[in-house]
Amino acid sequence: MEYTYVNAGTQELTCRRCGSPWKDVCACLTLDIECSEATHAASSVVRGIELIEISTRSIDMDALFLYSESSQCSKQPFLNSDSGLSPCKRSARRRDEPQVPPPGCSLAFMLMLCAPKMAVNMAWSAQWAAFGPQLQTIFVAPWKVQLIQVIGPITGLLVSPAAGVLSDQCSSAYGRRRPFILGSLIATLLCWCIMSNSYAIGAACGDSDSNQVVTAAILLLCYLWMDVSVNVLQTSANLIIADFAGGRQVTAAAIGSVYSTLGSLCVSGYIWLFSGAQESLSGFFSMLIGVLLITCIPVLLFAKETPVATTSTTSLLRRLHHASLGVYTGVRTLPEPLAVYSSVLLLLSYGYIAYNGAKGQYFGLQVYDGDARGADSCGSNCTAAQIQYRDGVTIAGGSTDTLFNAASLVVALNVTIVVLCAIPQGAIFALQIPVIMHVIGYGEQDGLGLYAGAFNSANCLGQLLNFALSSVLLRTRLQYGLPILLGGGLSIAALLVVYHRFHVSQ
């Protein structure tokens, strides 16, 4: 058995310091290390999983591989090295071996496995279409709402890569993904239970229509809480689908996309039928909680994962430290096709959230010229401006999203454009995992969580840039119209990047 420290980013097979050659190196790998007694010393072998118990203080490397005399790479990146996270790159796969995707699960099982994506998309749709207007009624000033919504992309930027890395390394007897699905499910349920009673809790603590300090604090806490828990659920759900789908990644992505669309339709249909969610929080959250339980519990019960055997002695604190570097490591080590794809995701994410994150306020305040102040609590005593605001929120989050009344409304052209834009956006977002698997290979899933997290970070960075810039753009005369216009321009830029730069092998 031979052991070699490998740097997949260079083409040199000699020591940088002494120039001595290295032999028996797998043909698909390269290395670039510093000469020292530690690097040339082999160590003990543990049965089952071979480990290199060796000092890495003087080693400059991107990946650490263990391979046999037959030059068959294990293709398992050594993520727990003292040097930090070190994922496998595309160049590390044997070039002379065709990639054979493993068989995937049955279609019926895949339908059950993809169902949590419906609950995840309902959560995000609710945040954009329902919670945004709810914040608007309390904080009033548009720029304040935009600053609050920055919480979402910041948490996603940090949480998703960390969850992906920890999930890849999880050695629980329950599996790698299901412990994270279970934990995020419980956390999300608790969050929604508190959020649905936020107004009642605020009123019990002395809030009034003109002073809702406690309610505002509860909403801010739950907003952050929900962003963390749903990001973990989203990452874990995507990864468990990829684990079971095998060579049917595109089929799984298509089914997941259908579930995501159904989740959005549930939220928009509720708003269209019952007006804004802020007017009937109990019913709205009951729908969210019911769908979350119905879709996630079957996966927890029937998606039996094979536990990952490990002999790693890395402490939990050290693993958490490695996971915290997931954003940096994932983005830094992205292969070129994935780096281009992530830039497209960033641009599209900006355009997507520019509309979806502000559509309720845009229609309510600008298209219908309404007034958000007190619109959530005026009841039958609403002024004409408050009614117009509520109608605008309903048309943006309800009938527009479900394609009702598109032909008869004055804003029919806007609706048509939004619907047409949703098709390519949905395809790009849905194909993230299949693209990653196509590039890194089906046998290298220890890097899947890291790269999936990097893609999610690109999505969140686009949202973060949108919210940061919108806080400034909303101070202009165009208010919500200007951020949406800029988002459209960046979506066109994404098209140009795909056309000129994105290329993957067949």
Protein backbone atom coordinates (compact mmCIF):
# COMPACT_ATOMS: atom_id res chain seq x y z
CA MET A 1 0.00 0.00 0.00
CA GLU A 2 1.37 3.40 -0.97
CA TYR A 3 0.53 6.73 0.62
CA THR A 4 0.96 10.12 -0.97
CA TYR A 5 0.00 13.67 -0.17
CA VAL A 6 -1.63 15.06 -3.28
CA ASN A 7 -2.08 18.59 -4.53
CA ALA A 8 -4.63 18.37 -7.32
CA GLY A 9 -3.92 21.93 -8.47
CA THR A 10 -0.36 21.45 -9.82
CA GLN A 11 1.40 19.36 -12.46
CA GLU A 12 4.69 18.67 -10.61
CA LEU A 13 5.69 15.25 -9.31
CA THR A 14 8.83 16.29 -7.44
CA CYS A 15 9.54 17.76 -4.04
CA ARG A 16 9.80 21.53 -4.16
CA ARG A 17 12.68 21.63 -1.67
CA CYS A 18 14.99 18.74 -2.56
CA GLY A 19 13.81 17.85 -6.06
CA SER A 20 13.69 14.14 -5.29
CA PRO A 21 11.24 12.17 -7.46
CA TRP A 22 8.15 10.47 -6.13
CA LYS A 23 7.15 7.10 -7.54
CA ASP A 24 4.08 4.90 -7.53
CA VAL A 25 1.84 7.92 -7.81
CA CYS A 26 -1.61 7.20 -9.22
CA ALA A 27 -1.71 8.34 -12.86
CA CYS A 28 -4.64 10.67 -12.34
CA LEU A 29 -3.06 12.57 -9.44
CA THR A 30 -0.29 15.10 -8.95
CA LEU A 31 1.45 16.40 -5.89
CA ASP A 32 3.37 19.39 -4.62
CA ILE A 33 4.80 19.04 -1.12
CA GLU A 34 7.70 20.21 0.97
CA CYS A 35 10.41 17.75 1.86
CA SER A 36 10.61 16.72 5.49
CA GLU A 37 11.03 13.59 7.54
CA ALA A 38 7.32 13.56 8.20
CA THR A 39 6.25 13.63 4.57
CA HIS A 40 8.41 10.65 3.54
CA ALA A 41 7.43 8.49 6.49
CA ALA A 42 4.64 5.97 6.12
CA SER A 43 2.48 5.24 9.10
CA SER A 44 0.33 2.52 10.55
CA VAL A 45 -2.68 1.16 8.71
CA VAL A 46 -6.02 0.67 10.41
CA ARG A 47 -8.12 -2.19 9.05
CA GLY A 48 -11.17 -1.17 7.02
CA ILE A 49 -10.25 2.47 6.61
CA GLU A 50 -6.58 3.34 6.16
CA LEU A 51 -5.44 6.49 7.89
CA ILE A 52 -2.26 8.46 7.66
CA GLU A 53 -1.16 9.20 11.20
CA ILE A 54 1.47 11.68 10.20
CA SER A 55 2.35 15.28 10.95
CA THR A 56 1.07 17.74 8.34
CA ARG A 57 2.70 20.87 9.67
CA SER A 58 5.01 21.40 6.68
CA ILE A 59 2.61 20.20 4.00
CA ASP A 60 1.07 22.51 1.43
CA MET A 61 -1.86 20.62 -0.08
CA ASP A 62 -5.37 20.89 -1.42
CA ALA A 63 -6.36 17.24 -1.07
CA LEU A 64 -5.11 14.18 0.80
CA PHE A 65 -5.72 10.84 -0.89
CA LEU A 66 -5.15 7.23 0.01
CA TYR A 67 -4.71 4.79 -2.84
CA SER A 68 -3.50 1.25 -3.48
CA GLU A 69 -0.79 -0.33 -5.64
CA SER A 70 -3.33 -0.92 -8.39
CA SER A 71 -3.63 2.84 -8.85
CA GLN A 72 -7.34 2.71 -8.13
CA CYS A 73 -8.11 5.95 -6.32
CA SER A 74 -10.38 5.71 -3.34
CA LYS A 75 -11.62 9.16 -4.39
CA GLN A 76 -12.44 9.95 -0.79
CA PRO A 77 -11.15 13.39 0.23
CA PHE A 78 -9.56 13.50 3.66
CA LEU A 79 -11.81 16.19 5.12
CA ASN A 80 -10.63 15.82 8.69
CA SER A 81 -6.96 16.62 8.11
CA ASP A 82 -5.31 19.05 10.48
CA SER A 83 -4.72 21.26 7.49
CA GLY A 84 -8.44 21.85 7.15
CA LEU A 85 -11.12 20.90 4.64
CA SER A 86 -9.66 19.43 1.47
CA PRO A 87 -12.28 18.38 -1.10
CA CYS A 88 -11.51 16.36 -4.21
CA LYS A 89 -11.34 18.28 -7.48
CA ARG A 90 -12.54 17.11 -10.84
CA SER A 91 -8.97 16.64 -12.08
CA ALA A 92 -8.45 13.95 -9.46
CA ARG A 93 -10.67 11.39 -11.19
CA ARG A 94 -8.95 8.77 -13.35
CA ARG A 95 -9.06 10.07 -16.90
CA ASP A 96 -8.98 6.64 -18.51
CA GLU A 97 -12.06 5.32 -16.70
CA PRO A 98 -15.57 6.11 -17.98
CA GLN A 99 -17.92 7.36 -15.34
CA VAL A 100 -20.67 4.81 -14.68
CA PRO A 101 -23.56 6.25 -12.63
CA PRO A 102 -24.90 3.87 -9.98
CA PRO A 103 -28.51 2.71 -10.32
CA GLY A 104 -31.03 5.05 -8.75
CA CYS A 105 -34.02 4.38 -6.55
CA SER A 106 -37.48 3.62 -7.92
CA LEU A 107 -39.77 6.38 -9.15
CA ALA A 108 -42.27 5.75 -6.35
CA PHE A 109 -39.55 6.03 -3.72
CA MET A 110 -38.23 9.17 -5.40
CA LEU A 111 -41.68 10.77 -5.20
CA MET A 112 -41.64 10.24 -1.46
CA LEU A 113 -38.01 11.33 -1.11
CA CYS A 114 -38.47 14.65 -2.95
CA ALA A 115 -41.60 15.69 -1.04
CA PRO A 116 -39.77 17.81 1.60
CA LYS A 117 -38.81 20.25 -1.16
CA MET A 118 -42.48 21.26 -1.22
CA ALA A 119 -42.33 22.28 2.44
CA VAL A 120 -39.01 24.08 1.94
CA ASN A 121 -40.32 26.13 -0.95
CA MET A 122 -43.50 26.89 0.96
CA ALA A 123 -41.34 28.29 3.74
CA TRP A 124 -39.39 30.56 1.38
CA SER A 125 -42.53 31.61 -0.52
CA ALA A 126 -44.22 32.43 2.77
CA GLN A 127 -41.24 34.52 3.80
CA TRP A 128 -41.34 36.52 0.58
CA ALA A 129 -45.08 36.79 -0.01
CA ALA A 130 -46.43 36.86 3.56
CA PHE A 131 -43.78 37.79 6.11
CA GLY A 132 -42.43 40.68 4.03
CA PRO A 133 -45.76 42.54 4.05
CA GLN A 134 -46.15 41.59 7.72
CA LEU A 135 -42.86 43.33 8.53
CA GLN A 136 -43.94 46.25 6.37
CA THR A 137 -47.02 46.85 8.53
CA ILE A 138 -44.86 47.06 11.68
CA PHE A 139 -41.73 48.85 10.48
CA VAL A 140 -43.44 50.89 7.69
CA ALA A 141 -40.25 52.37 6.16
CA PRO A 142 -39.27 50.24 3.11
CA TRP A 143 -35.53 50.50 3.76
CA LYS A 144 -36.00 49.12 7.29
CA VAL A 145 -37.77 46.06 5.92
CA GLN A 146 -34.98 45.50 3.40
CA LEU A 147 -32.34 45.69 6.13
CA ILE A 148 -34.25 43.14 8.22
CA GLN A 149 -34.50 40.78 5.26
CA VAL A 150 -30.70 40.81 4.95
CA ILE A 151 -30.81 38.28 7.82
CA GLY A 152 -31.95 35.62 5.36
CA PRO A 153 -29.04 35.56 2.90
CA ILE A 154 -26.43 36.06 5.62
CA THR A 155 -27.60 32.97 7.50
CA GLY A 156 -27.87 30.97 4.28
CA LEU A 157 -24.37 32.04 3.26
CA LEU A 158 -22.93 30.60 6.48
CA VAL A 159 -25.33 27.83 7.52
CA SER A 160 -25.79 25.84 4.32
CA PRO A 161 -22.10 25.05 3.60
CA ALA A 162 -21.52 24.18 7.26
CA ALA A 163 -24.55 21.87 7.25
CA GLY A 164 -23.32 20.23 4.06
CA VAL A 165 -19.85 19.57 5.46
CA LEU A 166 -21.13 18.25 8.79
CA SER A 167 -23.65 16.06 6.97
CA ASP A 168 -20.93 14.59 4.73
CA GLN A 169 -18.91 13.66 7.82
CA CYS A 170 -21.81 12.47 10.00
CA SER A 171 -21.30 8.90 11.26
CA SER A 172 -24.63 8.53 13.07
CA ALA A 173 -26.28 5.11 13.00
CA TYR A 174 -29.36 6.97 11.76
CA GLY A 175 -27.50 8.02 8.59
CA ARG A 176 -25.74 11.12 7.30
CA ARG A 177 -28.72 13.23 6.25
CA ARG A 178 -31.70 12.21 8.37
CA PRO A 179 -30.35 13.53 11.70
CA PHE A 180 -30.16 16.99 10.16
CA ILE A 181 -33.63 16.65 8.63
CA LEU A 182 -35.07 15.65 12.00
CA GLY A 183 -33.35 18.45 13.90
CA SER A 184 -34.34 21.13 11.39
CA LEU A 185 -37.91 19.79 11.29
CA ILE A 186 -38.32 20.16 15.06
CA ALA A 187 -36.69 23.61 15.07
CA THR A 188 -38.90 24.86 12.23
CA LEU A 189 -42.08 23.59 13.91
CA LEU A 190 -41.23 25.40 17.15
CA CYS A 191 -40.42 28.58 15.24
CA TRP A 192 -43.70 28.59 13.34
CA CYS A 193 -45.70 27.90 16.49
CA ILE A 194 -44.20 30.99 18.13
CA MET A 195 -44.47 33.13 15.01
CA SER A 196 -48.15 32.27 14.51
CA ASN A 197 -48.88 33.61 17.99
CA SER A 198 -46.60 36.64 17.80
CA TYR A 199 -49.43 39.19 17.83
CA ALA A 200 -51.15 37.47 20.76
CA ILE A 201 -47.90 37.33 22.73
CA GLY A 202 -47.23 40.98 21.93
CA ALA A 203 -50.72 42.02 23.02
CA ALA A 204 -50.33 40.10 26.28
CA CYS A 205 -47.10 42.00 26.89
CA GLY A 206 -48.75 45.39 26.39
CA ASP A 207 -48.38 46.09 22.67
CA SER A 208 -50.84 48.44 21.00
CA ASP A 209 -51.58 49.32 17.37
CA SER A 210 -49.17 52.24 17.57
CA ASN A 211 -46.49 50.51 19.67
CA GLN A 212 -45.64 46.91 18.74
CA VAL A 213 -42.18 46.55 20.24
CA VAL A 214 -42.62 43.02 21.62
CA THR A 215 -44.27 41.77 18.44
CA ALA A 216 -41.46 43.24 16.37
CA ALA A 217 -38.82 41.57 18.57
CA ILE A 218 -40.56 38.19 18.29
CA LEU A 219 -40.80 38.48 14.52
CA LEU A 220 -37.12 39.38 14.21
CA LEU A 221 -36.09 36.43 16.39
CA CYS A 222 -38.32 34.01 14.49
CA TYR A 223 -37.15 35.39 11.15
CA LEU A 224 -33.54 34.51 12.04
CA TRP A 225 -34.58 31.20 13.61
CA MET A 226 -36.54 30.16 10.55
CA ASP A 227 -33.71 31.09 8.18
CA VAL A 228 -31.29 28.82 10.05
CA SER A 229 -33.62 25.83 10.40
CA VAL A 230 -35.01 25.93 6.86
CA ASN A 231 -31.52 26.29 5.35
CA VAL A 232 -30.43 23.14 7.20
CA LEU A 233 -33.58 21.33 6.06
CA GLN A 234 -33.09 22.45 2.47
CA THR A 235 -29.45 21.35 2.35
CA SER A 236 -30.15 17.97 3.98
CA ALA A 237 -33.16 17.29 1.75
CA ASN A 238 -31.16 18.03 -1.41
CA LEU A 239 -28.30 15.80 -0.31
CA ILE A 240 -30.42 12.80 0.63
CA ILE A 241 -32.15 13.02 -2.75
CA ALA A 242 -28.76 13.01 -4.48
CA ASP A 243 -27.60 10.03 -2.39
CA PHE A 244 -30.55 7.85 -3.42
CA ALA A 245 -31.05 9.12 -7.00
CA GLY A 246 -27.82 7.62 -8.36
CA GLY A 247 -27.75 8.09 -12.12
CA ARG A 248 -31.26 9.57 -12.17
CA GLN A 249 -30.22 12.98 -10.86
CA VAL A 250 -32.08 14.94 -13.55
CA THR A 251 -35.26 12.96 -12.91
CA ALA A 252 -34.94 13.71 -9.20
CA ALA A 253 -34.35 17.38 -9.96
CA ALA A 254 -37.47 17.48 -12.15
CA ILE A 255 -39.61 15.85 -9.47
CA GLY A 256 -38.17 18.17 -6.84
CA SER A 257 -38.94 21.16 -9.05
CA VAL A 258 -42.56 20.04 -9.35
CA TYR A 259 -42.81 19.77 -5.57
CA SER A 260 -41.25 23.22 -5.20
CA THR A 261 -43.81 24.66 -7.59
CA LEU A 262 -46.63 23.00 -5.65
CA GLY A 263 -45.27 24.58 -2.47
CA SER A 264 -45.32 28.03 -4.03
CA LEU A 265 -48.83 27.44 -5.37
CA CYS A 266 -50.09 26.46 -1.91
CA VAL A 267 -48.89 29.77 -0.49
CA SER A 268 -50.08 31.91 -3.39
CA GLY A 269 -53.40 30.04 -3.53
CA TYR A 270 -53.98 30.64 0.18
CA ILE A 271 -53.25 34.35 -0.21
CA TRP A 272 -55.52 34.55 -3.25
CA LEU A 273 -58.40 32.80 -1.47
CA PHE A 274 -58.07 34.30 2.01
CA SER A 275 -56.25 37.58 1.32
CA GLY A 276 -52.96 38.42 3.06
CA ALA A 277 -51.51 35.86 5.44
CA GLN A 278 -51.11 38.53 8.12
CA GLU A 279 -54.90 38.64 8.40
CA SER A 280 -55.22 34.94 9.33
CA LEU A 281 -51.91 33.82 10.80
CA SER A 282 -53.28 30.74 12.58
CA GLY A 283 -54.75 29.22 9.44
CA PHE A 284 -51.72 30.10 7.35
CA PHE A 285 -49.22 28.56 9.75
CA SER A 286 -51.44 25.51 10.23
CA MET A 287 -51.14 24.89 6.50
CA LEU A 288 -47.34 25.29 6.63
CA ILE A 289 -46.97 22.98 9.63
CA GLY A 290 -49.26 20.33 8.15
CA VAL A 291 -47.37 20.16 4.86
CA LEU A 292 -44.02 20.11 6.68
CA LEU A 293 -45.04 17.08 8.76
CA ILE A 294 -46.71 15.20 5.91
CA THR A 295 -43.70 15.54 3.60
CA CYS A 296 -40.81 15.05 6.04
CA ILE A 297 -41.99 12.23 8.33
CA PRO A 298 -42.11 9.56 5.55
CA VAL A 299 -38.51 10.38 4.61
CA LEU A 300 -37.41 10.03 8.23
CA LEU A 301 -39.18 6.67 8.53
CA PHE A 302 -38.49 4.98 5.20
CA ALA A 303 -35.32 6.49 3.70
CA LYS A 304 -32.94 4.01 5.32
CA GLU A 305 -29.37 5.24 4.96
CA THR A 306 -26.23 3.15 5.33
CA PRO A 307 -24.16 4.56 8.20
CA VAL A 308 -20.70 5.74 7.23
CA ALA A 309 -17.94 3.78 8.96
CA THR A 310 -15.23 6.02 10.36
CA THR A 311 -12.23 5.71 12.62
CA SER A 312 -11.59 9.42 12.79
CA THR A 313 -10.64 10.74 16.20
CA THR A 314 -11.18 14.37 15.26
CA SER A 315 -13.00 16.17 18.06
CA LEU A 316 -16.43 17.69 17.61
CA LEU A 317 -14.97 21.15 18.18
CA ARG A 318 -12.43 20.57 15.41
CA ARG A 319 -15.14 19.36 13.02
CA LEU A 320 -17.22 22.43 13.77
CA HIS A 321 -14.18 24.58 13.04
CA HIS A 322 -13.73 22.84 9.69
CA ALA A 323 -17.42 23.28 8.92
CA SER A 324 -17.19 27.00 9.65
CA LEU A 325 -14.65 27.21 6.82
CA GLY A 326 -17.10 25.58 4.43
CA VAL A 327 -17.95 28.79 2.59
CA TYR A 328 -14.33 29.67 1.90
CA THR A 329 -13.21 26.14 1.09
CA GLY A 330 -16.18 25.33 -1.12
CA VAL A 331 -15.90 28.48 -3.22
CA ARG A 332 -12.09 28.34 -3.44
CA THR A 333 -11.98 24.75 -4.70
CA LEU A 334 -14.88 24.84 -7.17
CA PRO A 335 -13.91 23.32 -10.54
CA GLU A 336 -14.21 25.81 -13.40
CA PRO A 337 -17.62 24.62 -14.73
CA LEU A 338 -19.09 24.79 -11.23
CA ALA A 339 -17.52 28.21 -10.63
CA VAL A 340 -19.20 29.54 -13.79
CA TYR A 341 -22.51 27.94 -12.80
CA SER A 342 -22.30 29.48 -9.33
CA SER A 343 -21.79 32.94 -10.85
CA VAL A 344 -24.93 32.39 -12.93
CA LEU A 345 -26.78 31.38 -9.78
CA LEU A 346 -25.61 34.57 -8.08
CA LEU A 347 -26.89 36.78 -10.91
CA LEU A 348 -30.19 34.92 -11.22
CA SER A 349 -30.66 34.90 -7.48
CA TYR A 350 -30.35 38.67 -7.44
CA GLY A 351 -32.98 39.02 -10.15
CA TYR A 352 -35.25 36.42 -8.58
CA ILE A 353 -35.24 37.92 -5.11
CA ALA A 354 -35.42 41.46 -6.49
CA TYR A 355 -38.94 40.67 -7.65
CA ASN A 356 -40.12 38.01 -5.21
CA GLY A 357 -38.75 39.77 -2.15
CA ALA A 358 -40.50 43.03 -2.96
CA LYS A 359 -43.53 42.10 -5.05
CA GLY A 360 -46.03 42.54 -2.22
CA GLN A 361 -44.76 46.00 -1.36
CA TYR A 362 -44.31 46.93 -5.03
CA PHE A 363 -47.88 46.12 -6.01
CA GLY A 364 -49.37 47.34 -2.74
CA LEU A 365 -47.50 50.64 -2.49
CA GLN A 366 -46.71 51.62 -6.09
CA VAL A 367 -49.00 49.81 -8.50
CA TYR A 368 -52.08 50.26 -6.30
CA ASP A 369 -50.84 53.39 -4.49
CA GLY A 370 -51.82 51.97 -1.09
CA ASP A 371 -50.80 52.68 2.50
CA ALA A 372 -49.20 49.92 4.60
CA ARG A 373 -49.59 51.63 7.97
CA GLY A 374 -52.13 49.70 10.04
CA ALA A 375 -53.28 47.67 7.04
CA ASP A 376 -52.88 44.44 9.01
CA SER A 377 -55.13 45.44 11.89
CA CYS A 378 -57.71 47.88 10.48
CA GLY A 379 -60.35 45.17 9.93
CA SER A 380 -63.61 46.63 8.60
CA ASN A 381 -62.46 50.19 9.31
CA CYS A 382 -59.72 50.28 6.68
CA THR A 383 -59.23 53.43 4.67
CA ALA A 384 -59.29 53.33 0.88
CA ALA A 385 -55.48 53.46 0.80
CA GLN A 386 -55.18 50.56 3.25
CA ILE A 387 -57.60 48.48 1.19
CA GLN A 388 -55.58 49.24 -1.92
CA TYR A 389 -52.40 48.09 -0.19
CA ARG A 390 -54.03 44.81 0.83
CA ASP A 391 -55.38 44.29 -2.68
CA GLY A 392 -51.91 44.86 -4.10
CA VAL A 393 -50.35 42.33 -1.72
CA THR A 394 -53.05 39.82 -2.64
CA ILE A 395 -52.58 40.31 -6.37
CA ALA A 396 -48.79 39.98 -6.07
CA GLY A 397 -48.67 36.94 -3.81
CA GLY A 398 -51.90 35.29 -4.90
CA SER A 399 -53.49 35.59 -8.30
CA THR A 400 -50.32 36.65 -10.09
CA ASP A 401 -48.41 33.64 -8.87
CA THR A 402 -51.25 31.24 -9.67
CA LEU A 403 -51.81 32.83 -13.10
CA PHE A 404 -55.39 33.89 -12.34
CA ASN A 405 -56.78 37.10 -13.81
CA ALA A 406 -53.65 37.60 -15.94
CA ALA A 407 -55.69 38.55 -19.00
CA SER A 408 -58.04 41.01 -17.34
CA LEU A 409 -55.74 43.04 -15.11
CA VAL A 410 -54.14 46.34 -16.00
CA VAL A 411 -50.83 44.78 -14.90
CA ALA A 412 -51.25 41.77 -17.20
CA LEU A 413 -48.01 42.50 -19.08
CA ASN A 414 -46.05 42.44 -15.82
CA VAL A 415 -47.61 39.11 -14.91
CA THR A 416 -46.77 37.59 -18.30
CA ILE A 417 -43.14 38.66 -18.05
CA VAL A 418 -42.83 37.23 -14.55
CA VAL A 419 -44.30 33.87 -15.62
CA LEU A 420 -42.00 33.58 -18.65
CA CYS A 421 -38.93 34.47 -16.58
CA ALA A 422 -39.79 31.77 -14.05
CA ILE A 423 -39.18 28.98 -16.60
CA PRO A 424 -35.40 29.44 -17.20
CA GLN A 425 -34.86 30.52 -13.60
CA GLY A 426 -36.53 27.36 -12.36
CA ALA A 427 -34.42 25.18 -14.67
CA ILE A 428 -31.13 26.73 -13.52
CA PHE A 429 -32.05 26.39 -9.84
CA ALA A 430 -33.37 22.83 -10.24
CA LEU A 431 -30.26 21.49 -12.00
CA GLN A 432 -27.75 22.45 -9.30
CA ILE A 433 -27.23 18.97 -7.83
CA PRO A 434 -27.20 17.16 -11.23
CA VAL A 435 -24.52 19.56 -12.48
CA ILE A 436 -22.39 19.00 -9.37
CA MET A 437 -22.70 15.22 -9.68
CA HIS A 438 -21.87 15.35 -13.39
CA VAL A 439 -18.68 17.31 -12.73
CA ILE A 440 -17.30 15.71 -9.55
CA GLY A 441 -18.53 12.18 -10.24
CA TYR A 442 -21.03 9.84 -8.66
CA GLY A 443 -18.54 8.13 -6.38
CA GLU A 444 -17.20 11.27 -4.68
CA GLN A 445 -20.11 12.24 -2.53
CA ASP A 446 -17.91 13.35 0.34
CA GLY A 447 -17.53 16.57 -1.64
CA LEU A 448 -21.20 16.84 -2.57
CA GLY A 449 -22.32 18.59 0.61
CA LEU A 450 -19.47 21.10 0.38
CA TYR A 451 -20.16 22.05 -3.24
CA ALA A 452 -23.93 22.08 -2.74
CA GLY A 453 -23.31 24.47 0.13
CA ALA A 454 -21.11 26.61 -2.13
CA PHE A 455 -23.94 26.83 -4.66
CA ASN A 456 -26.36 27.81 -1.94
CA SER A 457 -23.86 30.45 -0.82
CA ALA A 458 -23.92 31.88 -4.35
CA ASN A 459 -27.72 32.05 -4.14
CA CYS A 460 -27.55 33.76 -0.77
CA LEU A 461 -24.85 36.18 -1.90
CA GLY A 462 -27.12 37.30 -4.74
CA GLN A 463 -29.91 37.87 -2.24
CA LEU A 464 -27.55 39.67 0.13
CA LEU A 465 -26.37 42.04 -2.60
CA ASN A 466 -29.98 42.70 -3.56
CA PHE A 467 -31.04 43.59 -0.03
CA ALA A 468 -27.95 45.70 0.58
CA LEU A 469 -28.38 47.69 -2.64
CA SER A 470 -32.15 47.87 -2.31
CA SER A 471 -31.82 49.65 1.02
CA VAL A 472 -30.14 52.45 -0.93
CA LEU A 473 -32.22 52.21 -4.11
CA LEU A 474 -35.49 52.40 -2.17
CA ARG A 475 -34.62 55.95 -1.17
CA THR A 476 -34.97 57.07 -4.79
CA ARG A 477 -38.18 58.29 -6.37
CA LEU A 478 -38.79 54.93 -8.07
CA GLN A 479 -38.64 53.07 -4.72
CA TYR A 480 -39.40 49.36 -5.32
CA GLY A 481 -39.37 49.76 -9.11
CA LEU A 482 -35.63 50.43 -9.39
CA PRO A 483 -34.40 47.28 -7.56
CA ILE A 484 -36.69 45.15 -9.74
CA LEU A 485 -35.35 46.85 -12.88
CA LEU A 486 -31.74 46.19 -11.82
CA GLY A 487 -32.61 42.56 -11.11
CA GLY A 488 -33.90 42.19 -14.66
CA GLY A 489 -30.64 43.56 -16.04
CA LEU A 490 -28.54 41.09 -14.04
CA SER A 491 -30.76 38.23 -15.22
CA ILE A 492 -29.86 39.17 -18.79
CA ALA A 493 -26.19 39.17 -17.75
CA ALA A 494 -26.65 35.61 -16.46
CA LEU A 495 -27.89 34.57 -19.90
CA LEU A 496 -24.75 35.97 -21.53
CA VAL A 497 -22.47 34.19 -19.03
CA VAL A 498 -24.15 30.84 -19.71
CA TYR A 499 -23.89 31.31 -23.47
CA HIS A 500 -20.22 32.29 -23.54
CA ARG A 501 -18.61 30.59 -20.53
CA PHE A 502 -20.52 27.52 -19.33
CA HIS A 503 -19.23 24.30 -20.92
CA VAL A 504 -19.30 20.76 -19.53
CA SER A 505 -18.21 17.50 -21.10
CA GLN A 506 -20.77 14.99 -22.26
